[in-house]
Amino acid sequence: MFTQEIKASIKQIEKPKKLSELAKIAGLDEKRDCLGLDISDKDLSYDIFTNADFNGALLRYTDLRYADLRGINLSDADLSDADLRYADLRYADLRGAKLRYANLSGADLRGAKLRYANLSGADLSDANLRYVNLSGANLRCAELRCSDLSGANLRYADLRYTDLSGANLSVTLLSAANLRYAALKDTKFSSAYLEKAILGNNYGINKELKLNLLNRGARFEGTSGDTTDFYRNFFLLVNSLFGNTTDSVFITD
C-alpha cells in the first residue's frame, strides 16, 4: 500500500524534503504517485512529515492527530474534514488550502502561512495561532474559542458567525476583516488594529467595548449585542447550508 510504503521510507531519511524523494526510495513512479497525491481517509497520526512537500495533495478525512508537520508544504492541498488535533504545524505553508470542517483543536500553528485558506466550519479551539498569516482567509462559522491569535494577520479575513469567545486577539491585525455576527464574549482586543474592520450583531459585546473598538477605526453595521438577532441569523445560515434542522447553534451563553 502506497501510504504504508511512504511511512516506512520516512525513517530512512533524516529530513524528507519532497514526496518525490520518498517515492524514489519506495520504488514508486514519481509522476504517477506524487502529482495530486491522494491519501484521503488514512491513519497518519503521530507520524513525522517535517519539511515534506504535499502541495496539492488530497488528505480529506485523514487522521493527522499529533503528527509532526513542521515546515510542511500543504499549499492548495485539500484537508477538508481532516483530524489535525494537537498536530505540530509550526511554519507550515497552507496557503490556499482547503480545511473546511477540519479539526485543528489544540494544534500548534505558530508562524504558519494560511493566506486565502478556506477554514469555514473548522474547529480551532485552544489552537496556538500566534503570528499566523490568515489574510483573506475564509473562517466563516469556525470555532476559535480560547485560541491564541496574538500578533496574527487577519486583514480582509471573513470571520462572520465565528465563535471567538475567550480568544486572544492582542496586537492582531484585523484591518478590513468582517466580524459581523461573531461571538465576542471575553475576547481580548488589546492593541489590536481594527481600521475599517466590520462588526455588527455580535454576541457578548458590551457598550464599553463597542465604543473602544469604534475609537480604533472599526465600524458597526446593524445592532451589536442583540442576542436574539444573532441566534436568528445564525440559525438561518445553518439552514441555508445544511437544510432544515432543529439542532441548536453552537454558541451559548
C-alpha atoms as a PDB file:
ATOM      1  CA  MET A   1       0.000   0.000   0.000  1.00  0.00           C
ATOM      2  CA  PHE A   2       1.432   3.373  -1.038  1.00  0.00           C
ATOM      3  CA  THR A   3       0.808   5.142   2.293  1.00  0.00           C
ATOM      4  CA  GLN A   4       2.490   2.382   4.296  1.00  0.00           C
ATOM      5  CA  GLU A   5       5.494   2.388   1.960  1.00  0.00           C
ATOM      6  CA  ILE A   6       5.833   6.151   2.338  1.00  0.00           C
ATOM      7  CA  LYS A   7       5.630   5.893   6.138  1.00  0.00           C
ATOM      8  CA  ALA A   8       8.328   3.209   6.162  1.00  0.00           C
ATOM      9  CA  SER A   9      10.513   5.242   3.806  1.00  0.00           C
ATOM     10  CA  ILE A  10      10.463   8.320   6.025  1.00  0.00           C
ATOM     11  CA  LYS A  11      12.562   6.509   8.616  1.00  0.00           C
ATOM     12  CA  GLN A  12      15.333   6.114   6.024  1.00  0.00           C
ATOM     13  CA  ILE A  13      15.946   9.830   5.532  1.00  0.00           C
ATOM     14  CA  GLU A  14      16.546  12.389   8.228  1.00  0.00           C
ATOM     15  CA  LYS A  15      14.571  15.324   6.822  1.00  0.00           C
ATOM     16  CA  PRO A  16      12.311  14.468   3.881  1.00  0.00           C
ATOM     17  CA  LYS A  17      12.058  17.447   1.551  1.00  0.00           C
ATOM     18  CA  LYS A  18       9.721  16.227  -1.158  1.00  0.00           C
ATOM     19  CA  LEU A  19       7.376  13.350  -1.805  1.00  0.00           C
ATOM     20  CA  SER A  20       9.361  12.687  -4.995  1.00  0.00           C
ATOM     21  CA  GLU A  21      12.326  11.733  -2.788  1.00  0.00           C
ATOM     22  CA  LEU A  22      10.142   9.394  -0.763  1.00  0.00           C
ATOM     23  CA  ALA A  23       8.721   7.890  -3.949  1.00  0.00           C
ATOM     24  CA  LYS A  24      12.215   7.077  -5.204  1.00  0.00           C
ATOM     25  CA  ILE A  25      13.135   5.276  -2.009  1.00  0.00           C
ATOM     26  CA  ALA A  26       9.870   3.339  -2.098  1.00  0.00           C
ATOM     27  CA  GLY A  27      10.464   2.427  -5.770  1.00  0.00           C
ATOM     28  CA  LEU A  28       7.385   4.272  -6.964  1.00  0.00           C
ATOM     29  CA  ASP A  29       6.707   6.245 -10.114  1.00  0.00           C
ATOM     30  CA  GLU A  30       7.245   9.871  -9.130  1.00  0.00           C
ATOM     31  CA  LYS A  31       4.896  11.367 -11.723  1.00  0.00           C
ATOM     32  CA  ARG A  32       2.175   8.812 -11.173  1.00  0.00           C
ATOM     33  CA  ASP A  33       2.231   8.714  -7.393  1.00  0.00           C
ATOM     34  CA  CYS A  34       3.216  12.247  -6.349  1.00  0.00           C
ATOM     35  CA  LEU A  35       1.275  14.504  -8.675  1.00  0.00           C
ATOM     36  CA  GLY A  36      -2.040  15.239  -6.944  1.00  0.00           C
ATOM     37  CA  LEU A  37      -1.329  12.525  -4.370  1.00  0.00           C
ATOM     38  CA  ASP A  38      -4.491  11.112  -2.807  1.00  0.00           C
ATOM     39  CA  ILE A  39      -4.026   9.849   0.754  1.00  0.00           C
ATOM     40  CA  SER A  40      -7.517  10.631   1.961  1.00  0.00           C
ATOM     41  CA  ASP A  41      -9.060   8.774   4.883  1.00  0.00           C
ATOM     42  CA  LYS A  42      -5.718   7.285   6.029  1.00  0.00           C
ATOM     43  CA  ASP A  43      -4.260   6.983   9.529  1.00  0.00           C
ATOM     44  CA  LEU A  44      -1.091   9.110   9.670  1.00  0.00           C
ATOM     45  CA  SER A  45      -1.423  10.040  13.332  1.00  0.00           C
ATOM     46  CA  TYR A  46       1.817  10.594  15.278  1.00  0.00           C
ATOM     47  CA  ASP A  47       3.886  10.374  12.034  1.00  0.00           C
ATOM     48  CA  ILE A  48       6.707  12.755  11.089  1.00  0.00           C
ATOM     49  CA  PHE A  49       6.489  14.778   7.869  1.00  0.00           C
ATOM     50  CA  THR A  50       8.754  17.729   8.656  1.00  0.00           C
ATOM     51  CA  ASN A  51       9.511  19.859   5.573  1.00  0.00           C
ATOM     52  CA  ALA A  52       7.736  17.372   3.269  1.00  0.00           C
ATOM     53  CA  ASP A  53       6.080  18.609   0.074  1.00  0.00           C
ATOM     54  CA  PHE A  54       2.354  17.806  -0.039  1.00  0.00           C
ATOM     55  CA  ASN A  55       1.466  20.570  -2.480  1.00  0.00           C
ATOM     56  CA  GLY A  56      -1.986  19.964  -3.953  1.00  0.00           C
ATOM     57  CA  ALA A  57      -2.395  16.639  -2.148  1.00  0.00           C
ATOM     58  CA  LEU A  58      -5.768  15.200  -1.156  1.00  0.00           C
ATOM     59  CA  LEU A  59      -5.960  14.462   2.567  1.00  0.00           C
ATOM     60  CA  ARG A  60      -9.705  14.543   3.164  1.00  0.00           C
ATOM     61  CA  TYR A  61     -10.767  12.772   6.371  1.00  0.00           C
ATOM     62  CA  THR A  62      -7.105  11.865   7.008  1.00  0.00           C
ATOM     63  CA  ASP A  63      -6.084  11.259  10.635  1.00  0.00           C
ATOM     64  CA  LEU A  64      -3.096  13.505  11.410  1.00  0.00           C
ATOM     65  CA  ARG A  65      -3.502  13.781  15.166  1.00  0.00           C
ATOM     66  CA  TYR A  66      -0.252  14.665  16.954  1.00  0.00           C
ATOM     67  CA  ALA A  67       1.641  14.493  13.636  1.00  0.00           C
ATOM     68  CA  ASP A  68       4.883  16.467  13.291  1.00  0.00           C
ATOM     69  CA  LEU A  69       4.181  18.684  10.278  1.00  0.00           C
ATOM     70  CA  ARG A  70       6.641  21.482  10.939  1.00  0.00           C
ATOM     71  CA  GLY A  71       7.589  23.368   7.785  1.00  0.00           C
ATOM     72  CA  ILE A  72       5.424  21.125   5.597  1.00  0.00           C
ATOM     73  CA  ASN A  73       4.158  22.412   2.247  1.00  0.00           C
ATOM     74  CA  LEU A  74       0.385  21.875   2.124  1.00  0.00           C
ATOM     75  CA  SER A  75      -0.374  24.780  -0.186  1.00  0.00           C
ATOM     76  CA  ASP A  76      -3.520  24.180  -2.250  1.00  0.00           C
ATOM     77  CA  ALA A  77      -3.991  20.816  -0.508  1.00  0.00           C
ATOM     78  CA  ASP A  78      -7.461  19.557   0.412  1.00  0.00           C
ATOM     79  CA  LEU A  79      -7.669  18.711   4.120  1.00  0.00           C
ATOM     80  CA  SER A  80     -11.429  19.024   4.428  1.00  0.00           C
ATOM     81  CA  ASP A  81     -12.752  17.104   7.462  1.00  0.00           C
ATOM     82  CA  ALA A  82      -9.195  16.018   8.378  1.00  0.00           C
ATOM     83  CA  ASP A  83      -8.348  15.358  12.034  1.00  0.00           C
ATOM     84  CA  LEU A  84      -5.373  17.564  12.971  1.00  0.00           C
ATOM     85  CA  ARG A  85      -5.908  17.734  16.704  1.00  0.00           C
ATOM     86  CA  TYR A  86      -2.695  18.669  18.538  1.00  0.00           C
ATOM     87  CA  ALA A  87      -0.675  18.467  15.302  1.00  0.00           C
ATOM     88  CA  ASP A  88       2.556  20.492  15.128  1.00  0.00           C
ATOM     89  CA  LEU A  89       2.120  22.792  12.119  1.00  0.00           C
ATOM     90  CA  ARG A  90       4.626  25.461  13.021  1.00  0.00           C
ATOM     91  CA  TYR A  91       5.771  27.417   9.949  1.00  0.00           C
ATOM     92  CA  ALA A  92       3.687  25.178   7.665  1.00  0.00           C
ATOM     93  CA  ASP A  93       2.676  26.524   4.260  1.00  0.00           C
ATOM     94  CA  LEU A  94      -1.108  26.178   3.969  1.00  0.00           C
ATOM     95  CA  ARG A  95      -1.737  28.992   1.500  1.00  0.00           C
ATOM     96  CA  GLY A  96      -4.901  28.359  -0.456  1.00  0.00           C
ATOM     97  CA  ALA A  97      -5.507  25.063   1.351  1.00  0.00           C
ATOM     98  CA  LYS A  98      -8.995  23.710   1.932  1.00  0.00           C
ATOM     99  CA  LEU A  99      -9.598  22.961   5.602  1.00  0.00           C
ATOM    100  CA  ARG A 100     -13.392  23.041   5.670  1.00  0.00           C
ATOM    101  CA  TYR A 101     -14.704  21.379   8.852  1.00  0.00           C
ATOM    102  CA  ALA A 102     -11.195  20.178   9.756  1.00  0.00           C
ATOM    103  CA  ASN A 103     -10.483  19.611  13.447  1.00  0.00           C
ATOM    104  CA  LEU A 104      -7.433  21.652  14.492  1.00  0.00           C
ATOM    105  CA  SER A 105      -8.264  22.000  18.167  1.00  0.00           C
ATOM    106  CA  GLY A 106      -5.131  22.274  20.286  1.00  0.00           C
ATOM    107  CA  ALA A 107      -2.894  22.391  17.183  1.00  0.00           C
ATOM    108  CA  ASP A 108       0.271  24.499  17.124  1.00  0.00           C
ATOM    109  CA  LEU A 109       0.247  26.727  14.025  1.00  0.00           C
ATOM    110  CA  ARG A 110       2.670  29.415  15.132  1.00  0.00           C
ATOM    111  CA  GLY A 111       4.145  31.224  12.138  1.00  0.00           C
ATOM    112  CA  ALA A 112       2.112  29.200   9.626  1.00  0.00           C
ATOM    113  CA  LYS A 113       1.012  30.674   6.288  1.00  0.00           C
ATOM    114  CA  LEU A 114      -2.741  30.387   5.750  1.00  0.00           C
ATOM    115  CA  ARG A 115      -3.347  33.216   3.318  1.00  0.00           C
ATOM    116  CA  TYR A 116      -6.602  32.691   1.410  1.00  0.00           C
ATOM    117  CA  ALA A 117      -7.095  29.298   3.071  1.00  0.00           C
ATOM    118  CA  ASN A 118     -10.648  28.006   3.469  1.00  0.00           C
ATOM    119  CA  LEU A 119     -11.271  27.190   7.132  1.00  0.00           C
ATOM    120  CA  SER A 120     -15.038  27.566   7.110  1.00  0.00           C
ATOM    121  CA  GLY A 121     -16.617  25.449   9.837  1.00  0.00           C
ATOM    122  CA  ALA A 122     -13.198  24.322  11.128  1.00  0.00           C
ATOM    123  CA  ASP A 123     -12.546  23.720  14.839  1.00  0.00           C
ATOM    124  CA  LEU A 124      -9.552  25.787  16.007  1.00  0.00           C
ATOM    125  CA  SER A 125     -10.496  25.985  19.668  1.00  0.00           C
ATOM    126  CA  ASP A 126      -7.489  26.244  22.009  1.00  0.00           C
ATOM    127  CA  ALA A 127      -5.165  26.350  18.979  1.00  0.00           C
ATOM    128  CA  ASN A 128      -1.922  28.341  19.036  1.00  0.00           C
ATOM    129  CA  LEU A 129      -2.191  30.745  16.091  1.00  0.00           C
ATOM    130  CA  ARG A 130       0.341  33.341  17.147  1.00  0.00           C
ATOM    131  CA  TYR A 131       1.827  35.298  14.234  1.00  0.00           C
ATOM    132  CA  VAL A 132      -0.134  33.239  11.699  1.00  0.00           C
ATOM    133  CA  ASN A 133      -0.866  34.844   8.326  1.00  0.00           C
ATOM    134  CA  LEU A 134      -4.618  34.416   7.759  1.00  0.00           C
ATOM    135  CA  SER A 135      -5.083  37.410   5.484  1.00  0.00           C
ATOM    136  CA  GLY A 136      -8.020  36.911   3.146  1.00  0.00           C
ATOM    137  CA  ALA A 137      -8.821  33.550   4.750  1.00  0.00           C
ATOM    138  CA  ASN A 138     -12.360  32.196   4.983  1.00  0.00           C
ATOM    139  CA  LEU A 139     -13.102  31.458   8.653  1.00  0.00           C
ATOM    140  CA  ARG A 140     -16.857  31.695   8.406  1.00  0.00           C
ATOM    141  CA  CYS A 141     -18.609  29.691  11.160  1.00  0.00           C
ATOM    142  CA  ALA A 142     -15.233  28.490  12.508  1.00  0.00           C
ATOM    143  CA  GLU A 143     -14.746  27.592  16.178  1.00  0.00           C
ATOM    144  CA  LEU A 144     -11.948  29.702  17.706  1.00  0.00           C
ATOM    145  CA  ARG A 145     -12.849  29.658  21.378  1.00  0.00           C
ATOM    146  CA  CYS A 146      -9.884  30.340  23.681  1.00  0.00           C
ATOM    147  CA  SER A 147      -7.460  30.296  20.734  1.00  0.00           C
ATOM    148  CA  ASP A 148      -4.340  32.479  20.760  1.00  0.00           C
ATOM    149  CA  LEU A 149      -4.304  34.763  17.701  1.00  0.00           C
ATOM    150  CA  SER A 150      -1.989  37.377  19.172  1.00  0.00           C
ATOM    151  CA  GLY A 151       0.126  39.044  16.504  1.00  0.00           C
ATOM    152  CA  ALA A 152      -1.725  37.238  13.706  1.00  0.00           C
ATOM    153  CA  ASN A 153      -2.547  38.824  10.344  1.00  0.00           C
ATOM    154  CA  LEU A 154      -6.311  38.673   9.686  1.00  0.00           C
ATOM    155  CA  ARG A 155      -6.609  41.508   7.173  1.00  0.00           C
ATOM    156  CA  TYR A 156      -9.659  41.053   4.931  1.00  0.00           C
ATOM    157  CA  ALA A 157     -10.448  37.716   6.630  1.00  0.00           C
ATOM    158  CA  ASP A 158     -14.059  36.520   6.682  1.00  0.00           C
ATOM    159  CA  LEU A 159     -14.905  35.932  10.355  1.00  0.00           C
ATOM    160  CA  ARG A 160     -18.676  36.086  10.090  1.00  0.00           C
ATOM    161  CA  TYR A 161     -20.521  33.823  12.551  1.00  0.00           C
ATOM    162  CA  THR A 162     -17.184  32.769  14.050  1.00  0.00           C
ATOM    163  CA  ASP A 163     -17.006  31.883  17.751  1.00  0.00           C
ATOM    164  CA  LEU A 164     -14.126  33.938  19.177  1.00  0.00           C
ATOM    165  CA  SER A 165     -15.250  33.693  22.797  1.00  0.00           C
ATOM    166  CA  GLY A 166     -12.250  33.935  25.113  1.00  0.00           C
ATOM    167  CA  ALA A 167      -9.836  34.245  22.181  1.00  0.00           C
ATOM    168  CA  ASN A 168      -6.704  36.379  22.419  1.00  0.00           C
ATOM    169  CA  LEU A 169      -6.613  38.976  19.620  1.00  0.00           C
ATOM    170  CA  SER A 170      -3.970  41.176  21.227  1.00  0.00           C
ATOM    171  CA  VAL A 171      -1.831  43.076  18.695  1.00  0.00           C
ATOM    172  CA  THR A 172      -3.735  41.236  15.944  1.00  0.00           C
ATOM    173  CA  LEU A 173      -4.108  42.868  12.535  1.00  0.00           C
ATOM    174  CA  LEU A 174      -7.853  42.948  11.798  1.00  0.00           C
ATOM    175  CA  SER A 175      -7.952  45.749   9.244  1.00  0.00           C
ATOM    176  CA  ALA A 176     -10.947  45.365   6.908  1.00  0.00           C
ATOM    177  CA  ALA A 177     -11.819  41.981   8.461  1.00  0.00           C
ATOM    178  CA  ASN A 178     -15.503  41.039   8.537  1.00  0.00           C
ATOM    179  CA  LEU A 179     -16.585  40.149  12.091  1.00  0.00           C
ATOM    180  CA  ARG A 180     -20.338  40.510  11.705  1.00  0.00           C
ATOM    181  CA  TYR A 181     -22.345  38.060  13.845  1.00  0.00           C
ATOM    182  CA  ALA A 182     -19.153  36.786  15.514  1.00  0.00           C
ATOM    183  CA  ALA A 183     -19.369  35.723  19.169  1.00  0.00           C
ATOM    184  CA  LEU A 184     -17.015  38.001  21.122  1.00  0.00           C
ATOM    185  CA  LYS A 185     -17.678  37.142  24.755  1.00  0.00           C
ATOM    186  CA  ASP A 186     -14.484  37.744  26.801  1.00  0.00           C
ATOM    187  CA  THR A 187     -12.458  38.249  23.600  1.00  0.00           C
ATOM    188  CA  LYS A 188      -9.245  40.223  24.159  1.00  0.00           C
ATOM    189  CA  PHE A 189      -8.639  43.099  21.718  1.00  0.00           C
ATOM    190  CA  SER A 190      -5.684  44.739  23.478  1.00  0.00           C
ATOM    191  CA  SER A 191      -3.698  46.836  20.956  1.00  0.00           C
ATOM    192  CA  ALA A 192      -5.445  45.113  18.020  1.00  0.00           C
ATOM    193  CA  TYR A 193      -5.503  47.001  14.707  1.00  0.00           C
ATOM    194  CA  LEU A 194      -9.140  47.454  13.669  1.00  0.00           C
ATOM    195  CA  GLU A 195      -9.105  50.112  10.945  1.00  0.00           C
ATOM    196  CA  LYS A 196     -12.158  49.500   8.692  1.00  0.00           C
ATOM    197  CA  ALA A 197     -12.999  46.218  10.445  1.00  0.00           C
ATOM    198  CA  ILE A 198     -16.723  45.469  10.152  1.00  0.00           C
ATOM    199  CA  LEU A 199     -18.738  44.371  13.175  1.00  0.00           C
ATOM    200  CA  GLY A 200     -22.437  44.155  13.976  1.00  0.00           C
ATOM    201  CA  ASN A 201     -24.987  41.895  15.656  1.00  0.00           C
ATOM    202  CA  ASN A 202     -22.201  40.425  17.768  1.00  0.00           C
ATOM    203  CA  TYR A 203     -22.877  38.182  20.753  1.00  0.00           C
ATOM    204  CA  GLY A 204     -21.155  39.010  24.046  1.00  0.00           C
ATOM    205  CA  ILE A 205     -20.100  42.582  23.273  1.00  0.00           C
ATOM    206  CA  ASN A 206     -20.919  45.451  25.638  1.00  0.00           C
ATOM    207  CA  LYS A 207     -21.263  49.193  25.052  1.00  0.00           C
ATOM    208  CA  GLU A 208     -17.879  49.972  26.577  1.00  0.00           C
ATOM    209  CA  LEU A 209     -16.059  47.570  24.249  1.00  0.00           C
ATOM    210  CA  LYS A 210     -18.091  48.788  21.292  1.00  0.00           C
ATOM    211  CA  LEU A 211     -17.033  52.380  21.951  1.00  0.00           C
ATOM    212  CA  ASN A 212     -13.408  51.274  22.355  1.00  0.00           C
ATOM    213  CA  LEU A 213     -13.463  49.467  19.011  1.00  0.00           C
ATOM    214  CA  LEU A 214     -15.151  52.399  17.286  1.00  0.00           C
ATOM    215  CA  ASN A 215     -12.417  54.698  18.546  1.00  0.00           C
ATOM    216  CA  ARG A 216      -9.861  52.408  16.916  1.00  0.00           C
ATOM    217  CA  GLY A 217     -11.393  52.614  13.467  1.00  0.00           C
ATOM    218  CA  ALA A 218     -13.891  49.742  13.483  1.00  0.00           C
ATOM    219  CA  ARG A 219     -17.381  50.280  12.158  1.00  0.00           C
ATOM    220  CA  PHE A 220     -20.639  48.639  13.198  1.00  0.00           C
ATOM    221  CA  GLU A 221     -23.424  47.636  10.852  1.00  0.00           C
ATOM    222  CA  GLY A 222     -26.762  46.751  12.423  1.00  0.00           C
ATOM    223  CA  THR A 223     -27.312  46.462  16.168  1.00  0.00           C
ATOM    224  CA  SER A 224     -24.479  44.941  18.188  1.00  0.00           C
ATOM    225  CA  GLY A 225     -25.335  42.918  21.251  1.00  0.00           C
ATOM    226  CA  ASP A 226     -28.774  41.787  20.104  1.00  0.00           C
ATOM    227  CA  THR A 227     -28.554  38.118  21.104  1.00  0.00           C
ATOM    228  CA  THR A 228     -31.936  37.234  19.634  1.00  0.00           C
ATOM    229  CA  ASP A 229     -30.974  38.632  16.229  1.00  0.00           C
ATOM    230  CA  PHE A 230     -27.627  36.832  16.375  1.00  0.00           C
ATOM    231  CA  TYR A 231     -29.248  33.451  17.004  1.00  0.00           C
ATOM    232  CA  ARG A 232     -31.915  34.077  14.364  1.00  0.00           C
ATOM    233  CA  ASN A 233     -29.381  34.964  11.677  1.00  0.00           C
ATOM    234  CA  PHE A 234     -27.045  32.126  12.590  1.00  0.00           C
ATOM    235  CA  PHE A 235     -29.917  29.629  12.515  1.00  0.00           C
ATOM    236  CA  LEU A 236     -30.916  30.885   9.071  1.00  0.00           C
ATOM    237  CA  LEU A 237     -27.332  30.439   7.872  1.00  0.00           C
ATOM    238  CA  VAL A 238     -27.176  26.853   9.177  1.00  0.00           C
ATOM    239  CA  ASN A 239     -30.452  26.079   7.445  1.00  0.00           C
ATOM    240  CA  SER A 240     -29.172  27.514   4.162  1.00  0.00           C
ATOM    241  CA  LEU A 241     -26.063  25.315   4.346  1.00  0.00           C
ATOM    242  CA  PHE A 242     -27.496  22.065   5.663  1.00  0.00           C
ATOM    243  CA  GLY A 243     -31.237  22.278   5.094  1.00  0.00           C
ATOM    244  CA  ASN A 244     -33.887  22.252   7.794  1.00  0.00           C
ATOM    245  CA  THR A 245     -32.555  21.384  11.229  1.00  0.00           C
ATOM    246  CA  THR A 246     -33.805  21.572  14.779  1.00  0.00           C
ATOM    247  CA  ASP A 247     -30.321  21.397  16.285  1.00  0.00           C
ATOM    248  CA  SER A 248     -29.307  24.316  18.483  1.00  0.00           C
ATOM    249  CA  VAL A 249     -26.468  26.593  17.396  1.00  0.00           C
ATOM    250  CA  PHE A 250     -23.040  26.119  18.932  1.00  0.00           C
ATOM    251  CA  ILE A 251     -22.715  29.457  20.710  1.00  0.00           C
ATOM    252  CA  THR A 252     -24.138  29.504  24.208  1.00  0.00           C
ATOM    253  CA  ASP A 253     -24.116  31.982  26.999  1.00  0.00           C
END
